[in-house]
């Protein structure tokens, strides 16, 4: 039986959160330090990393920049982690 879209997206989001926290820890930056760099409270960063609050693209880029990571490299590692492959479909512009 195929998994529902909601379940798949929930799994992919969990992977994103794990990668974010792992990248922050690997960079040696605490949530408090990241809070000062991004202007996002430490409590909110904790909620984001735990999946209590969803992160939008602008905040994701602030987070990645705040830990000194390359956004392209981060997204590449995320896409590999979830096994993403382009559909080959062209989108309407």
N, C-alpha and C. Protein backbone atom coordinates (compact mmCIF):
# COMPACT_ATOMS: atom_id res chain seq x y z
N UNK A 1 0.85 -1.18 0.00
CA UNK A 1 0.00 0.00 0.00
C UNK A 1 0.89 1.24 0.00
N UNK A 2 0.68 2.19 -0.92
CA UNK A 2 1.53 3.39 -0.97
C UNK A 2 1.29 4.28 0.24
N UNK A 3 2.37 4.94 0.65
CA UNK A 3 2.26 5.88 1.77
C UNK A 3 1.53 7.12 1.30
N UNK A 4 0.86 7.75 2.24
CA UNK A 4 0.16 8.99 1.90
C UNK A 4 1.16 10.11 1.70
N UNK A 5 0.75 11.14 0.98
CA UNK A 5 1.62 12.30 0.75
C UNK A 5 2.00 12.94 2.08
N UNK A 6 1.04 13.05 2.99
CA UNK A 6 1.31 13.69 4.27
C UNK A 6 2.43 12.94 5.00
N UNK A 7 2.37 11.62 5.01
CA UNK A 7 3.39 10.83 5.68
C UNK A 7 4.75 11.02 5.02
N UNK A 8 4.78 11.01 3.69
CA UNK A 8 6.04 11.19 2.98
C UNK A 8 6.64 12.55 3.30
N UNK A 9 5.81 13.58 3.24
CA UNK A 9 6.32 14.92 3.52
C UNK A 9 6.74 15.06 4.97
N UNK A 10 6.05 14.40 5.87
CA UNK A 10 6.44 14.43 7.28
C UNK A 10 7.82 13.80 7.45
N UNK A 11 8.05 12.68 6.77
CA UNK A 11 9.36 12.02 6.84
C UNK A 11 10.45 12.91 6.26
N UNK A 12 10.17 13.54 5.14
CA UNK A 12 11.15 14.42 4.51
C UNK A 12 11.44 15.64 5.38
N UNK A 13 10.42 16.15 6.05
CA UNK A 13 10.62 17.30 6.93
C UNK A 13 11.47 16.92 8.13
N UNK A 14 11.25 15.72 8.66
CA UNK A 14 12.08 15.24 9.78
C UNK A 14 13.54 15.16 9.36
N UNK A 15 13.79 14.70 8.14
CA UNK A 15 15.16 14.64 7.63
C UNK A 15 15.76 16.04 7.58
N UNK A 16 14.99 17.01 7.09
CA UNK A 16 15.46 18.40 7.03
C UNK A 16 15.85 18.90 8.42
N UNK A 17 15.00 18.65 9.41
CA UNK A 17 15.28 19.11 10.77
C UNK A 17 16.53 18.45 11.35
N UNK A 18 16.69 17.16 11.09
CA UNK A 18 17.90 16.47 11.56
C UNK A 18 19.15 17.06 10.91
N UNK A 19 19.08 17.31 9.61
CA UNK A 19 20.23 17.90 8.92
C UNK A 19 20.55 19.29 9.45
N UNK A 20 19.51 20.09 9.73
CA UNK A 20 19.73 21.43 10.28
C UNK A 20 20.45 21.35 11.62
N UNK A 21 19.91 20.55 12.54
CA UNK A 21 20.52 20.44 13.86
C UNK A 21 21.93 19.88 13.77
N UNK A 22 22.11 18.84 12.95
CA UNK A 22 23.45 18.25 12.80
C UNK A 22 24.44 19.26 12.23
N UNK A 23 24.01 20.05 11.24
CA UNK A 23 24.90 21.05 10.64
C UNK A 23 25.25 22.14 11.65
N UNK A 24 24.27 22.54 12.46
CA UNK A 24 24.54 23.56 13.48
C UNK A 24 25.55 23.04 14.49
N UNK A 25 25.33 21.83 14.97
CA UNK A 25 26.23 21.24 15.95
C UNK A 25 27.63 21.05 15.36
N UNK A 26 27.69 20.57 14.12
CA UNK A 26 28.99 20.36 13.45
C UNK A 26 29.74 21.68 13.28
N UNK A 27 29.00 22.77 13.13
CA UNK A 27 29.64 24.08 12.96
C UNK A 27 30.13 24.64 14.29
N UNK A 28 29.75 23.99 15.39
CA UNK A 28 30.18 24.44 16.71
C UNK A 28 29.38 25.63 17.23
N UNK A 29 28.23 25.88 16.65
CA UNK A 29 27.40 27.02 17.05
C UNK A 29 26.23 26.54 17.89
N UNK A 30 26.04 27.17 19.04
CA UNK A 30 24.91 26.82 19.90
C UNK A 30 23.65 27.53 19.40
N UNK A 31 22.51 27.10 19.91
CA UNK A 31 21.27 27.78 19.56
C UNK A 31 21.31 29.24 20.02
N UNK A 32 21.91 29.50 21.16
CA UNK A 32 22.02 30.87 21.67
C UNK A 32 22.84 31.73 20.71
N UNK A 33 23.97 31.21 20.25
CA UNK A 33 24.80 31.95 19.29
C UNK A 33 24.07 32.16 17.97
N UNK A 34 23.37 31.14 17.51
CA UNK A 34 22.61 31.25 16.27
C UNK A 34 21.49 32.27 16.42
N UNK A 35 20.90 32.30 17.59
CA UNK A 35 19.85 33.27 17.88
C UNK A 35 20.36 34.70 17.71
N UNK A 36 21.55 34.95 18.21
CA UNK A 36 22.14 36.29 18.09
C UNK A 36 22.44 36.64 16.63
N UNK A 37 22.85 35.64 15.86
CA UNK A 37 23.18 35.89 14.45
C UNK A 37 21.95 36.10 13.58
N UNK A 38 20.87 35.41 13.90
CA UNK A 38 19.69 35.45 13.04
C UNK A 38 18.58 36.36 13.53
N UNK A 39 18.62 36.70 14.82
CA UNK A 39 17.53 37.50 15.39
C UNK A 39 16.31 36.66 15.74
N UNK A 40 16.42 35.36 15.61
CA UNK A 40 15.36 34.44 16.01
C UNK A 40 15.66 33.97 17.42
N UNK A 41 14.66 33.97 18.29
CA UNK A 41 14.92 33.60 19.68
C UNK A 41 15.42 32.16 19.78
N UNK A 42 16.18 31.89 20.84
CA UNK A 42 16.68 30.54 21.07
C UNK A 42 15.52 29.57 21.23
N UNK A 43 14.47 30.01 21.91
CA UNK A 43 13.30 29.16 22.09
C UNK A 43 12.66 28.78 20.77
N UNK A 44 12.58 29.74 19.86
CA UNK A 44 12.01 29.46 18.54
C UNK A 44 12.91 28.51 17.75
N UNK A 45 14.23 28.70 17.85
CA UNK A 45 15.15 27.79 17.17
C UNK A 45 14.98 26.37 17.69
N UNK A 46 14.81 26.23 18.99
CA UNK A 46 14.58 24.92 19.58
C UNK A 46 13.29 24.31 19.04
N UNK A 47 12.23 25.11 18.96
CA UNK A 47 10.95 24.62 18.44
C UNK A 47 11.08 24.20 16.98
N UNK A 48 11.85 24.97 16.21
CA UNK A 48 12.06 24.62 14.80
C UNK A 48 12.79 23.29 14.70
N UNK A 49 13.88 23.13 15.45
CA UNK A 49 14.68 21.91 15.38
C UNK A 49 13.90 20.69 15.86
N UNK A 50 12.95 20.88 16.77
CA UNK A 50 12.13 19.77 17.28
C UNK A 50 10.90 19.51 16.43
N UNK A 51 10.64 20.38 15.46
CA UNK A 51 9.50 20.19 14.58
C UNK A 51 8.19 20.71 15.14
N UNK A 52 8.26 21.49 16.22
CA UNK A 52 7.05 22.06 16.81
C UNK A 52 6.53 23.19 15.93
N UNK A 53 7.47 23.96 15.37
CA UNK A 53 7.15 25.08 14.47
C UNK A 53 7.82 24.79 13.14
N UNK A 54 7.09 25.00 12.05
CA UNK A 54 7.67 24.78 10.72
C UNK A 54 8.51 25.99 10.31
N UNK A 55 9.55 25.73 9.56
CA UNK A 55 10.45 26.79 9.11
C UNK A 55 10.13 27.12 7.65
N UNK A 56 10.08 28.41 7.33
CA UNK A 56 9.84 28.79 5.93
C UNK A 56 11.18 29.00 5.23
N UNK A 57 11.13 29.24 3.94
CA UNK A 57 12.36 29.32 3.14
C UNK A 57 13.26 30.47 3.59
N UNK A 58 12.69 31.64 3.89
CA UNK A 58 13.50 32.78 4.31
C UNK A 58 14.23 32.47 5.62
N UNK A 59 13.52 31.87 6.57
CA UNK A 59 14.14 31.52 7.84
C UNK A 59 15.16 30.39 7.67
N UNK A 60 14.87 29.47 6.76
CA UNK A 60 15.81 28.39 6.47
C UNK A 60 17.13 28.96 5.96
N UNK A 61 17.04 29.92 5.05
CA UNK A 61 18.26 30.54 4.52
C UNK A 61 19.00 31.32 5.60
N UNK A 62 18.26 32.02 6.48
CA UNK A 62 18.91 32.72 7.60
C UNK A 62 19.63 31.73 8.50
N UNK A 63 18.99 30.61 8.79
CA UNK A 63 19.57 29.57 9.64
C UNK A 63 20.86 29.04 9.02
N UNK A 64 20.78 28.67 7.75
CA UNK A 64 21.94 28.11 7.05
C UNK A 64 23.08 29.13 7.01
N UNK A 65 22.75 30.38 6.71
CA UNK A 65 23.76 31.44 6.69
C UNK A 65 24.35 31.65 8.09
N UNK A 66 23.50 31.59 9.10
CA UNK A 66 23.93 31.80 10.48
C UNK A 66 24.93 30.77 10.97
N UNK A 67 24.85 29.56 10.45
CA UNK A 67 25.80 28.53 10.85
C UNK A 67 27.01 28.48 9.92
N UNK A 68 27.01 29.37 8.93
CA UNK A 68 28.15 29.45 8.03
C UNK A 68 28.18 28.37 6.97
N UNK A 69 27.02 27.79 6.68
CA UNK A 69 26.96 26.72 5.67
C UNK A 69 26.60 27.31 4.31
N UNK A 70 26.95 26.59 3.27
CA UNK A 70 26.60 26.97 1.91
C UNK A 70 25.19 26.45 1.62
N UNK A 71 24.25 27.33 1.27
CA UNK A 71 22.87 26.87 1.05
C UNK A 71 22.73 25.85 -0.08
N UNK A 72 23.53 25.98 -1.12
CA UNK A 72 23.45 25.02 -2.23
C UNK A 72 23.94 23.65 -1.77
N UNK A 73 25.05 23.63 -1.05
CA UNK A 73 25.58 22.36 -0.54
C UNK A 73 24.61 21.73 0.46
N UNK A 74 23.99 22.57 1.29
CA UNK A 74 23.03 22.05 2.27
C UNK A 74 21.84 21.41 1.55
N UNK A 75 21.28 22.13 0.58
CA UNK A 75 20.12 21.60 -0.14
C UNK A 75 20.48 20.35 -0.94
N UNK A 76 21.69 20.32 -1.48
CA UNK A 76 22.13 19.13 -2.20
C UNK A 76 22.18 17.93 -1.26
N UNK A 77 22.71 18.12 -0.05
CA UNK A 77 22.77 17.01 0.90
C UNK A 77 21.37 16.60 1.34
N UNK A 78 20.47 17.57 1.48
CA UNK A 78 19.08 17.26 1.83
C UNK A 78 18.41 16.44 0.73
N UNK A 79 18.56 16.88 -0.51
CA UNK A 79 17.93 16.17 -1.63
C UNK A 79 18.47 14.75 -1.77
N UNK A 80 19.76 14.57 -1.53
CA UNK A 80 20.34 13.22 -1.55
C UNK A 80 19.78 12.38 -0.41
N UNK A 81 19.65 12.99 0.76
CA UNK A 81 19.17 12.26 1.94
C UNK A 81 17.74 11.76 1.76
N UNK A 82 16.92 12.51 1.04
CA UNK A 82 15.53 12.08 0.84
C UNK A 82 15.35 11.29 -0.46
N UNK A 83 16.43 11.14 -1.21
CA UNK A 83 16.36 10.38 -2.46
C UNK A 83 15.57 11.07 -3.55
N UNK A 84 15.63 12.39 -3.57
CA UNK A 84 14.87 13.18 -4.55
C UNK A 84 15.46 13.02 -5.94
N UNK A 85 14.56 12.87 -6.89
CA UNK A 85 14.95 12.83 -8.29
C UNK A 85 13.99 13.73 -9.06
N UNK A 86 14.50 14.53 -9.99
CA UNK A 86 13.60 15.40 -10.76
C UNK A 86 12.61 14.58 -11.55
N UNK A 87 11.41 15.09 -11.66
CA UNK A 87 10.35 14.36 -12.37
C UNK A 87 10.50 14.46 -13.89
N UNK A 88 11.22 15.46 -14.35
CA UNK A 88 11.37 15.67 -15.78
C UNK A 88 10.23 16.45 -16.39
N UNK A 89 9.24 16.77 -15.57
CA UNK A 89 8.10 17.55 -16.06
C UNK A 89 8.48 19.02 -16.08
N UNK A 90 8.09 19.70 -17.13
CA UNK A 90 8.31 21.14 -17.20
C UNK A 90 7.16 21.84 -16.51
N UNK A 91 7.50 22.85 -15.73
CA UNK A 91 6.47 23.62 -15.04
C UNK A 91 6.09 24.82 -15.87
N UNK A 92 4.84 25.19 -15.78
CA UNK A 92 4.37 26.40 -16.46
C UNK A 92 4.91 27.61 -15.72
N UNK A 93 5.30 28.63 -16.48
CA UNK A 93 5.81 29.84 -15.83
C UNK A 93 4.82 30.95 -15.88
